[in-house]
C-alpha atoms as a PDB file:
ATOM      1  CA  MET A   1       0.000   0.000   0.000  1.00  0.00           C
ATOM      2  CA  LYS A   2       2.783   2.405   0.881  1.00  0.00           C
ATOM      3  CA  ILE A   3       4.533   1.849  -2.453  1.00  0.00           C
ATOM      4  CA  LYS A   4       1.310   2.452  -4.380  1.00  0.00           C
ATOM      5  CA  PHE A   5       0.629   5.627  -2.411  1.00  0.00           C
ATOM      6  CA  ILE A   6       4.077   7.057  -3.153  1.00  0.00           C
ATOM      7  CA  PHE A   7       3.685   6.127  -6.817  1.00  0.00           C
ATOM      8  CA  CYS A   8       0.377   8.019  -6.968  1.00  0.00           C
ATOM      9  CA  LEU A   9       1.995  11.075  -5.397  1.00  0.00           C
ATOM     10  CA  LEU A  10       4.712  11.022  -8.041  1.00  0.00           C
ATOM     11  CA  LEU A  11       2.165  10.852 -10.844  1.00  0.00           C
ATOM     12  CA  PHE A  12      -0.198  13.471  -9.406  1.00  0.00           C
ATOM     13  CA  PRO A  13       1.555  16.615 -10.724  1.00  0.00           C
ATOM     14  CA  LEU A  14       1.922  15.090 -14.211  1.00  0.00           C
ATOM     15  CA  PHE A  15      -1.767  14.136 -14.234  1.00  0.00           C
ATOM     16  CA  VAL A  16      -2.851  17.611 -13.117  1.00  0.00           C
ATOM     17  CA  PHE A  17      -0.698  19.380 -15.728  1.00  0.00           C
ATOM     18  CA  SER A  18      -1.884  17.093 -18.528  1.00  0.00           C
ATOM     19  CA  GLN A  19      -5.522  17.845 -17.685  1.00  0.00           C
ATOM     20  CA  ASN A  20      -4.954  21.608 -17.937  1.00  0.00           C
ATOM     21  CA  VAL A  21      -3.083  22.043 -21.207  1.00  0.00           C
ATOM     22  CA  GLN A  22      -3.564  25.556 -22.553  1.00  0.00           C
ATOM     23  CA  GLU A  23      -2.078  25.458 -26.021  1.00  0.00           C
ATOM     24  CA  PRO A  24      -2.223  28.928 -27.604  1.00  0.00           C
ATOM     25  CA  THR A  25      -5.141  29.278 -30.003  1.00  0.00           C
ATOM     26  CA  ASP A  26      -3.773  32.125 -32.124  1.00  0.00           C
ATOM     27  CA  THR A  27      -1.429  29.887 -34.107  1.00  0.00           C
ATOM     28  CA  PRO A  28      -0.862  30.368 -37.861  1.00  0.00           C
ATOM     29  CA  LYS A  29      -3.148  28.161 -39.980  1.00  0.00           C
ATOM     30  CA  GLU A  30      -0.060  26.776 -41.738  1.00  0.00           C
ATOM     31  CA  TRP A  31       0.947  25.082 -38.487  1.00  0.00           C
ATOM     32  CA  SER A  32      -2.012  22.696 -38.618  1.00  0.00           C
ATOM     33  CA  ALA A  33      -2.690  22.535 -42.376  1.00  0.00           C
ATOM     34  CA  ALA A  34      -2.146  19.129 -43.934  1.00  0.00           C
ATOM     35  CA  TYR A  35       0.806  18.408 -46.197  1.00  0.00           C
ATOM     36  CA  ALA A  36       1.474  15.279 -48.221  1.00  0.00           C
ATOM     37  CA  PRO A  37       4.366  13.223 -46.782  1.00  0.00           C
ATOM     38  CA  PHE A  38       7.328  12.472 -49.021  1.00  0.00           C
ATOM     39  CA  ARG A  39      10.829  11.054 -49.139  1.00  0.00           C
ATOM     40  CA  ILE A  40      13.420  13.815 -48.760  1.00  0.00           C
ATOM     41  CA  VAL A  41      16.621  11.826 -49.081  1.00  0.00           C
ATOM     42  CA  GLY A  42      17.687   8.254 -48.365  1.00  0.00           C
ATOM     43  CA  ASN A  43      15.872   7.102 -45.223  1.00  0.00           C
ATOM     44  CA  VAL A  44      14.726  10.611 -44.233  1.00  0.00           C
ATOM     45  CA  TYR A  45      11.034  11.444 -44.783  1.00  0.00           C
ATOM     46  CA  TYR A  46       8.855  14.511 -44.199  1.00  0.00           C
ATOM     47  CA  VAL A  47       5.720  13.650 -42.183  1.00  0.00           C
ATOM     48  CA  GLY A  48       4.807  17.045 -40.712  1.00  0.00           C
ATOM     49  CA  THR A  49       2.215  19.696 -41.423  1.00  0.00           C
ATOM     50  CA  TYR A  50       2.451  22.497 -43.962  1.00  0.00           C
ATOM     51  CA  ASP A  51       4.900  24.419 -41.761  1.00  0.00           C
ATOM     52  CA  LEU A  52       5.705  22.430 -38.612  1.00  0.00           C
ATOM     53  CA  ALA A  53       8.409  20.075 -39.785  1.00  0.00           C
ATOM     54  CA  CYS A  54       8.399  16.494 -38.502  1.00  0.00           C
ATOM     55  CA  TYR A  55      10.853  13.903 -39.765  1.00  0.00           C
ATOM     56  CA  LEU A  56      10.709  10.118 -39.915  1.00  0.00           C
ATOM     57  CA  ILE A  57      14.072   8.352 -40.052  1.00  0.00           C
ATOM     58  CA  THR A  58      13.629   4.697 -41.001  1.00  0.00           C
ATOM     59  CA  THR A  59      15.920   1.796 -40.119  1.00  0.00           C
ATOM     60  CA  PRO A  60      15.718  -2.032 -40.223  1.00  0.00           C
ATOM     61  CA  LYS A  61      15.371  -2.031 -36.426  1.00  0.00           C
ATOM     62  CA  GLY A  62      12.526   0.499 -36.208  1.00  0.00           C
ATOM     63  CA  ASN A  63      12.071   4.179 -36.876  1.00  0.00           C
ATOM     64  CA  ILE A  64      12.838   7.572 -35.315  1.00  0.00           C
ATOM     65  CA  LEU A  65      10.438  10.519 -35.218  1.00  0.00           C
ATOM     66  CA  ILE A  66      11.730  14.069 -34.783  1.00  0.00           C
ATOM     67  CA  ASN A  67       9.101  16.655 -33.666  1.00  0.00           C
ATOM     68  CA  THR A  68       5.309  16.331 -33.652  1.00  0.00           C
ATOM     69  CA  GLY A  69       3.743  19.719 -34.279  1.00  0.00           C
ATOM     70  CA  LEU A  70       0.673  20.903 -32.358  1.00  0.00           C
ATOM     71  CA  ARG A  71      -1.478  18.857 -30.008  1.00  0.00           C
ATOM     72  CA  SER A  72      -4.008  18.165 -32.774  1.00  0.00           C
ATOM     73  CA  SER A  73      -1.371  16.773 -35.150  1.00  0.00           C
ATOM     74  CA  ALA A  74      -1.034  13.228 -33.773  1.00  0.00           C
ATOM     75  CA  ALA A  75      -3.602  11.714 -36.139  1.00  0.00           C
ATOM     76  CA  GLN A  76      -2.161  13.593 -39.105  1.00  0.00           C
ATOM     77  CA  ILE A  77       1.374  12.393 -38.382  1.00  0.00           C
ATOM     78  CA  LYS A  78       0.137   8.815 -37.984  1.00  0.00           C
ATOM     79  CA  LYS A  79      -1.694   9.083 -41.296  1.00  0.00           C
ATOM     80  CA  ASN A  80       1.394  10.499 -43.022  1.00  0.00           C
ATOM     81  CA  VAL A  81       3.627   7.724 -41.701  1.00  0.00           C
ATOM     82  CA  GLU A  82       1.169   5.096 -42.912  1.00  0.00           C
ATOM     83  CA  LEU A  83       0.695   6.775 -46.306  1.00  0.00           C
ATOM     84  CA  LEU A  84       4.423   6.275 -46.828  1.00  0.00           C
ATOM     85  CA  GLY A  85       3.945   2.562 -46.163  1.00  0.00           C
ATOM     86  CA  PHE A  86       5.404   2.406 -42.652  1.00  0.00           C
ATOM     87  CA  ASN A  87       3.883   1.004 -39.464  1.00  0.00           C
ATOM     88  CA  PHE A  88       3.258   3.791 -36.947  1.00  0.00           C
ATOM     89  CA  LYS A  89       4.094   1.484 -34.044  1.00  0.00           C
ATOM     90  CA  ASP A  90       7.526   0.820 -35.539  1.00  0.00           C
ATOM     91  CA  ILE A  91       8.576   4.218 -34.155  1.00  0.00           C
ATOM     92  CA  LYS A  92      11.076   3.333 -31.419  1.00  0.00           C
ATOM     93  CA  ILE A  93      12.724   6.675 -30.627  1.00  0.00           C
ATOM     94  CA  LEU A  94      11.253  10.170 -30.249  1.00  0.00           C
ATOM     95  CA  LEU A  95      13.346  13.343 -30.509  1.00  0.00           C
ATOM     96  CA  THR A  96      12.660  17.065 -30.627  1.00  0.00           C
ATOM     97  CA  THR A  97      14.600  20.112 -31.737  1.00  0.00           C
ATOM     98  CA  GLN A  98      13.109  22.230 -28.931  1.00  0.00           C
ATOM     99  CA  ALA A  99      10.714  21.983 -25.981  1.00  0.00           C
ATOM    100  CA  HIS A 100       7.983  24.278 -27.329  1.00  0.00           C
ATOM    101  CA  TYR A 101       4.309  23.401 -27.864  1.00  0.00           C
ATOM    102  CA  ASP A 102       4.559  23.759 -31.643  1.00  0.00           C
ATOM    103  CA  HIS A 103       7.060  20.896 -31.782  1.00  0.00           C
ATOM    104  CA  LEU A 104       5.994  18.821 -28.760  1.00  0.00           C
ATOM    105  CA  GLY A 105       2.227  19.303 -28.771  1.00  0.00           C
ATOM    106  CA  ALA A 106       1.406  15.733 -29.812  1.00  0.00           C
ATOM    107  CA  MET A 107       4.511  14.076 -28.361  1.00  0.00           C
ATOM    108  CA  ALA A 108       2.914  12.684 -25.182  1.00  0.00           C
ATOM    109  CA  GLU A 109       0.092  11.082 -27.173  1.00  0.00           C
ATOM    110  CA  ILE A 110       2.443   9.627 -29.777  1.00  0.00           C
ATOM    111  CA  LYS A 111       4.698   8.281 -27.025  1.00  0.00           C
ATOM    112  CA  LYS A 112       1.686   6.550 -25.506  1.00  0.00           C
ATOM    113  CA  LEU A 113       0.482   5.170 -28.853  1.00  0.00           C
ATOM    114  CA  THR A 114       3.869   3.811 -29.932  1.00  0.00           C
ATOM    115  CA  GLY A 115       5.656   3.032 -26.664  1.00  0.00           C
ATOM    116  CA  ALA A 116       8.721   4.771 -28.119  1.00  0.00           C
ATOM    117  CA  LYS A 117      11.541   6.100 -25.943  1.00  0.00           C
ATOM    118  CA  MET A 118      11.767   9.888 -25.592  1.00  0.00           C
ATOM    119  CA  MET A 119      15.277  11.302 -25.750  1.00  0.00           C
ATOM    120  CA  VAL A 120      15.933  14.990 -25.138  1.00  0.00           C
ATOM    121  CA  ASP A 121      18.742  17.495 -24.686  1.00  0.00           C
ATOM    122  CA  GLU A 122      19.294  17.503 -20.927  1.00  0.00           C
ATOM    123  CA  LYS A 123      18.774  21.277 -20.713  1.00  0.00           C
ATOM    124  CA  ASP A 124      15.172  20.935 -21.930  1.00  0.00           C
ATOM    125  CA  ALA A 125      14.288  17.987 -19.682  1.00  0.00           C
ATOM    126  CA  SER A 126      12.803  19.949 -16.770  1.00  0.00           C
ATOM    127  CA  VAL A 127      10.614  22.195 -18.915  1.00  0.00           C
ATOM    128  CA  MET A 128       9.431  19.155 -20.871  1.00  0.00           C
ATOM    129  CA  LYS A 129       8.410  17.460 -17.636  1.00  0.00           C
ATOM    130  CA  ASP A 130       6.191  20.388 -16.632  1.00  0.00           C
ATOM    131  CA  GLY A 131       4.635  20.866 -20.056  1.00  0.00           C
ATOM    132  CA  GLY A 132       6.348  24.163 -20.743  1.00  0.00           C
ATOM    133  CA  ARG A 133       5.217  25.889 -17.534  1.00  0.00           C
ATOM    134  CA  THR A 134       8.733  27.066 -16.679  1.00  0.00           C
ATOM    135  CA  ASP A 135       9.831  28.026 -20.176  1.00  0.00           C
ATOM    136  CA  TYR A 136      11.605  31.390 -19.832  1.00  0.00           C
ATOM    137  CA  ALA A 137       9.723  32.972 -22.740  1.00  0.00           C
ATOM    138  CA  LEU A 138       6.509  31.050 -23.470  1.00  0.00           C
ATOM    139  CA  GLY A 139       5.719  29.494 -20.099  1.00  0.00           C
ATOM    140  CA  ASN A 140       4.217  32.063 -17.735  1.00  0.00           C
ATOM    141  CA  GLY A 141       3.142  29.220 -15.455  1.00  0.00           C
ATOM    142  CA  LYS A 142       0.842  27.694 -18.094  1.00  0.00           C
ATOM    143  CA  THR A 143       1.026  24.117 -19.327  1.00  0.00           C
ATOM    144  CA  THR A 144       1.167  24.534 -23.114  1.00  0.00           C
ATOM    145  CA  TYR A 145       1.600  20.827 -23.950  1.00  0.00           C
ATOM    146  CA  ALA A 146       1.100  17.550 -22.142  1.00  0.00           C
ATOM    147  CA  PRO A 147       4.117  16.887 -19.875  1.00  0.00           C
ATOM    148  CA  ILE A 148       6.570  14.212 -20.976  1.00  0.00           C
ATOM    149  CA  ILE A 149       9.036  12.333 -18.825  1.00  0.00           C
ATOM    150  CA  PRO A 150      12.139  11.673 -20.957  1.00  0.00           C
ATOM    151  CA  ASP A 151      13.648   8.195 -21.037  1.00  0.00           C
ATOM    152  CA  LEU A 152      17.163   9.400 -21.811  1.00  0.00           C
ATOM    153  CA  LEU A 153      18.973  12.725 -21.439  1.00  0.00           C
ATOM    154  CA  LEU A 154      21.370  13.761 -24.184  1.00  0.00           C
ATOM    155  CA  LYS A 155      24.467  15.945 -24.145  1.00  0.00           C
ATOM    156  CA  ASP A 156      26.221  17.770 -26.970  1.00  0.00           C
ATOM    157  CA  GLY A 157      27.789  15.270 -29.364  1.00  0.00           C
ATOM    158  CA  ASP A 158      25.845  12.233 -28.135  1.00  0.00           C
ATOM    159  CA  GLN A 159      24.967   9.655 -30.769  1.00  0.00           C
ATOM    160  CA  ILE A 160      21.516   8.120 -31.109  1.00  0.00           C
ATOM    161  CA  GLN A 161      21.921   4.711 -32.711  1.00  0.00           C
ATOM    162  CA  LEU A 162      19.136   2.611 -34.180  1.00  0.00           C
ATOM    163  CA  GLY A 163      19.725  -0.085 -36.754  1.00  0.00           C
ATOM    164  CA  ASN A 164      22.154   1.199 -39.368  1.00  0.00           C
ATOM    165  CA  THR A 165      21.558   4.876 -38.582  1.00  0.00           C
ATOM    166  CA  SER A 166      23.519   7.066 -36.194  1.00  0.00           C
ATOM    167  CA  ILE A 167      22.260  10.573 -35.401  1.00  0.00           C
ATOM    168  CA  VAL A 168      24.485  13.102 -33.627  1.00  0.00           C
ATOM    169  CA  MET A 169      22.771  15.618 -31.355  1.00  0.00           C
ATOM    170  CA  LEU A 170      24.254  19.121 -31.349  1.00  0.00           C
ATOM    171  CA  HIS A 171      23.425  21.360 -28.370  1.00  0.00           C
ATOM    172  CA  HIS A 172      22.258  24.674 -29.870  1.00  0.00           C
ATOM    173  CA  PRO A 173      20.675  26.628 -26.987  1.00  0.00           C
ATOM    174  CA  GLY A 174      19.065  30.054 -26.925  1.00  0.00           C
ATOM    175  CA  HIS A 175      15.620  29.556 -28.451  1.00  0.00           C
ATOM    176  CA  THR A 176      15.123  27.195 -25.509  1.00  0.00           C
ATOM    177  CA  LYS A 177      17.747  26.150 -22.982  1.00  0.00           C
ATOM    178  CA  GLY A 178      18.018  22.766 -24.683  1.00  0.00           C
ATOM    179  CA  SER A 179      17.377  23.584 -28.327  1.00  0.00           C
ATOM    180  CA  CYS A 180      19.351  21.215 -30.516  1.00  0.00           C
ATOM    181  CA  SER A 181      20.127  20.178 -34.056  1.00  0.00           C
ATOM    182  CA  PHE A 182      20.699  16.712 -35.492  1.00  0.00           C
ATOM    183  CA  MET A 183      23.185  15.431 -38.052  1.00  0.00           C
ATOM    184  CA  LEU A 184      23.159  12.082 -39.811  1.00  0.00           C
ATOM    185  CA  LYS A 185      24.499  10.348 -42.869  1.00  0.00           C
ATOM    186  CA  THR A 186      22.220   8.635 -45.334  1.00  0.00           C
ATOM    187  CA  LYS A 187      22.407   7.257 -48.855  1.00  0.00           C
ATOM    188  CA  ASP A 188      20.210   6.373 -51.774  1.00  0.00           C
ATOM    189  CA  GLU A 189      20.728   4.426 -54.978  1.00  0.00           C
ATOM    190  CA  THR A 190      23.298   6.904 -56.320  1.00  0.00           C
ATOM    191  CA  ARG A 191      25.284   8.564 -53.520  1.00  0.00           C
ATOM    192  CA  ASP A 192      25.842   9.358 -49.842  1.00  0.00           C
ATOM    193  CA  TYR A 193      24.542  12.505 -48.141  1.00  0.00           C
ATOM    194  CA  SER A 194      25.263  14.351 -44.917  1.00  0.00           C
ATOM    195  CA  VAL A 195      22.016  15.798 -43.534  1.00  0.00           C
ATOM    196  CA  LEU A 196      21.581  18.581 -40.982  1.00  0.00           C
ATOM    197  CA  ILE A 197      18.250  19.133 -39.249  1.00  0.00           C
ATOM    198  CA  ALA A 198      18.973  22.573 -37.842  1.00  0.00           C
ATOM    199  CA  ASN A 199      17.246  24.342 -35.011  1.00  0.00           C
ATOM    200  CA  MET A 200      17.564  27.932 -36.158  1.00  0.00           C
ATOM    201  CA  PRO A 201      18.094  30.328 -33.197  1.00  0.00           C
ATOM    202  CA  SER A 202      15.303  32.849 -33.684  1.00  0.00           C
ATOM    203  CA  ILE A 203      14.694  35.132 -30.695  1.00  0.00           C
ATOM    204  CA  VAL A 204      11.395  34.495 -28.927  1.00  0.00           C
ATOM    205  CA  THR A 205      11.450  37.117 -26.181  1.00  0.00           C
ATOM    206  CA  GLU A 206      10.802  40.856 -26.420  1.00  0.00           C
ATOM    207  CA  LYS A 207      12.602  41.427 -23.117  1.00  0.00           C
ATOM    208  CA  LYS A 208      16.217  42.456 -22.944  1.00  0.00           C
ATOM    209  CA  PHE A 209      18.434  39.482 -22.253  1.00  0.00           C
ATOM    210  CA  SER A 210      19.517  41.155 -19.012  1.00  0.00           C
ATOM    211  CA  GLU A 211      15.871  41.128 -17.883  1.00  0.00           C
ATOM    212  CA  ILE A 212      15.575  37.327 -17.927  1.00  0.00           C
ATOM    213  CA  PRO A 213      16.857  36.076 -14.552  1.00  0.00           C
ATOM    214  CA  ALA A 214      15.584  32.564 -15.295  1.00  0.00           C
ATOM    215  CA  TYR A 215      18.151  32.287 -18.096  1.00  0.00           C
ATOM    216  CA  PRO A 216      21.268  34.286 -17.154  1.00  0.00           C
ATOM    217  CA  GLN A 217      23.453  32.781 -19.897  1.00  0.00           C
ATOM    218  CA  ILE A 218      20.976  33.386 -22.723  1.00  0.00           C
ATOM    219  CA  GLU A 219      23.123  35.919 -24.608  1.00  0.00           C
ATOM    220  CA  LYS A 220      26.176  33.696 -24.412  1.00  0.00           C
ATOM    221  CA  ASP A 221      24.133  30.693 -25.587  1.00  0.00           C
ATOM    222  CA  TYR A 222      22.743  32.510 -28.619  1.00  0.00           C
ATOM    223  CA  ALA A 223      26.221  33.684 -29.589  1.00  0.00           C
ATOM    224  CA  TYR A 224      27.581  30.146 -29.243  1.00  0.00           C
ATOM    225  CA  THR A 225      24.792  28.631 -31.324  1.00  0.00           C
ATOM    226  CA  LEU A 226      25.168  31.097 -34.176  1.00  0.00           C
ATOM    227  CA  SER A 227      28.905  30.476 -34.257  1.00  0.00           C
ATOM    228  CA  SER A 228      28.473  26.700 -34.130  1.00  0.00           C
ATOM    229  CA  LEU A 229      25.889  26.585 -36.915  1.00  0.00           C
ATOM    230  CA  LYS A 230      28.070  28.677 -39.227  1.00  0.00           C
ATOM    231  CA  LYS A 231      30.900  26.152 -38.929  1.00  0.00           C
ATOM    232  CA  LEU A 232      28.899  23.056 -39.868  1.00  0.00           C
ATOM    233  CA  SER A 233      29.428  21.198 -43.131  1.00  0.00           C
ATOM    234  CA  PHE A 234      26.645  19.191 -44.792  1.00  0.00           C
ATOM    235  CA  ASP A 235      25.029  18.370 -48.114  1.00  0.00           C
ATOM    236  CA  ILE A 236      21.365  18.926 -47.234  1.00  0.00           C
ATOM    237  CA  TRP A 237      19.821  21.080 -44.532  1.00  0.00           C
ATOM    238  CA  LEU A 238      16.345  21.014 -43.052  1.00  0.00           C
ATOM    239  CA  SER A 239      14.858  22.794 -40.055  1.00  0.00           C
ATOM    240  CA  SER A 240      12.103  22.894 -37.416  1.00  0.00           C
ATOM    241  CA  HIS A 241       9.810  24.942 -39.653  1.00  0.00           C
ATOM    242  CA  ALA A 242       9.271  24.250 -43.353  1.00  0.00           C
ATOM    243  CA  SER A 243       9.266  27.985 -44.042  1.00  0.00           C
ATOM    244  CA  GLN A 244      12.787  28.335 -42.632  1.00  0.00           C
ATOM    245  CA  PHE A 245      14.335  26.134 -45.329  1.00  0.00           C
ATOM    246  CA  CYS A 246      11.868  27.168 -48.075  1.00  0.00           C
ATOM    247  CA  LEU A 247      10.346  23.710 -48.390  1.00  0.00           C
ATOM    248  CA  HIS A 248       7.486  24.908 -50.558  1.00  0.00           C
ATOM    249  CA  GLU A 249       9.832  26.448 -53.092  1.00  0.00           C
ATOM    250  CA  LYS A 250      11.903  23.273 -53.271  1.00  0.00           C
ATOM    251  CA  HIS A 251       9.111  20.710 -53.282  1.00  0.00           C
ATOM    252  CA  LYS A 252       5.502  20.483 -54.436  1.00  0.00           C
ATOM    253  CA  PRO A 253       3.146  17.622 -53.504  1.00  0.00           C
ATOM    254  CA  GLY A 254       3.462  14.924 -56.142  1.00  0.00           C
ATOM    255  CA  ASP A 255       7.018  15.842 -57.164  1.00  0.00           C
ATOM    256  CA  LYS A 256       9.347  12.960 -57.935  1.00  0.00           C
ATOM    257  CA  TYR A 257      12.098  12.070 -55.493  1.00  0.00           C
ATOM    258  CA  ASN A 258      14.739  14.797 -55.823  1.00  0.00           C
ATOM    259  CA  PRO A 259      17.147  15.235 -52.901  1.00  0.00           C
ATOM    260  CA  THR A 260      19.288  17.689 -54.854  1.00  0.00           C
ATOM    261  CA  ALA A 261      16.494  20.262 -54.432  1.00  0.00           C
ATOM    262  CA  PHE A 262      17.510  20.474 -50.771  1.00  0.00           C
ATOM    263  CA  ILE A 263      21.190  21.149 -51.422  1.00  0.00           C
ATOM    264  CA  ASP A 264      21.192  24.827 -50.544  1.00  0.00           C
ATOM    265  CA  ARG A 265      24.157  26.190 -48.603  1.00  0.00           C
ATOM    266  CA  ALA A 266      23.431  29.708 -49.841  1.00  0.00           C
ATOM    267  CA  GLY A 267      19.935  29.592 -48.370  1.00  0.00           C
ATOM    268  CA  TYR A 268      21.286  28.309 -45.069  1.00  0.00           C
ATOM    269  CA  ASP A 269      23.882  31.080 -44.860  1.00  0.00           C
ATOM    270  CA  LYS A 270      21.238  33.680 -45.718  1.00  0.00           C
ATOM    271  CA  VAL A 271      19.017  32.568 -42.829  1.00  0.00           C
ATOM    272  CA  LEU A 272      21.945  32.543 -40.406  1.00  0.00           C
ATOM    273  CA  ASN A 273      23.071  36.000 -41.498  1.00  0.00           C
ATOM    274  CA  SER A 274      19.557  37.313 -40.889  1.00  0.00           C
ATOM    275  CA  LEU A 275      19.485  35.731 -37.431  1.00  0.00           C
ATOM    276  CA  GLN A 276      22.917  37.166 -36.662  1.00  0.00           C
ATOM    277  CA  LEU A 277      21.619  40.664 -37.482  1.00  0.00           C
ATOM    278  CA  GLU A 278      18.598  40.043 -35.256  1.00  0.00           C
ATOM    279  CA  PHE A 279      20.887  38.981 -32.409  1.00  0.00           C
ATOM    280  CA  ASP A 280      23.267  41.913 -32.894  1.00  0.00           C
ATOM    281  CA  LYS A 281      20.338  44.334 -32.799  1.00  0.00           C
ATOM    282  CA  LYS A 282      19.058  42.678 -29.636  1.00  0.00           C
ATOM    283  CA  ILE A 283      22.320  43.172 -27.774  1.00  0.00           C
ATOM    284  CA  GLY A 284      22.848  46.677 -29.163  1.00  0.00           C
ATOM    285  CA  LYS A 285      25.804  45.767 -31.352  1.00  0.00           C
ATOM    286  CA  LYS A 286      26.469  48.042 -34.334  1.00  0.00           C
END
C-alpha cells in the first residue's frame, strides 16, 4: 500500500498538468494545415504539417520521429507515416529540436500510442516534464503541452543509434535552454549525403536578455549557437519549420524524389546571417 501511495503522489503533478493544457489558439493556420508526406533523401522522410516540420528516419530495427507539431497533429502524423507505407508502431525513438508546444504538442500522445523512448537534450528535460510551464519565454506558469518524462537525457555530441543509422545531437541553446540540431548520414541508390536538421536560433522574447533572470546565460548561448551553426558542413539542410528552409519552393506535392532540391548552402547562410543581425540588434551591437 505504501509503495502504491508514493507512486500516486509522483504521478499526481503530471496528471494535473496534462488535464490543464492551454495550447495557444492564435497559431498560424499553416501550423495545422495538412501536407502530403514524401521522401526527402535516403531514409529521411517529411511527415509534418504544412509548416511544422516532422521527420521520420527509417531503419531495419525500427524508426525515429523528430518533432510532432501541435497537439491536434497526432492523427495527421500517424496518417502520413502510414501513407508512406510504414507502421506507426515501428517508431522506437522520439526526438525534438526544442521543448515548445509547436514541436511537442502531440509528443505525449504519440509516445503513448507507440511506446517509443523519448530522448531529449538535458537542458530541456525539466521544462518538458512540466509541459512548458517554466519556459523562460513562453511558459508564464501555463502548461502549453502535455508533460513528458524523458527516457534518456542527451548531451552535446551524443549519438543516437538505431539499426544502421547514427544521429548526432548538437546542443544549440538560446531559443530554448536545450534547443538542438541533429546530423546524420544517409544514402540512396546513387550517392551518400550528410544531412543537418537545424534548429535555427530565432529570438522568442521581447525582453532584454539582461531582464531574464531565469536564463542568465541566454546571450552567451545565442552567440555560441550562431557560431556553431556557421561552422557546420553538410550536403542537405532542413529545419524545425518548413518555411525556414523554403520547403514549398523546393518541393511540391506529387514531385518525384529529388534530394538535390535540398542542397542549398546559400539559403542556409542567408538565414543565419539574418538571425545574426537580429541577435546583434538585440544586444545593441552596431
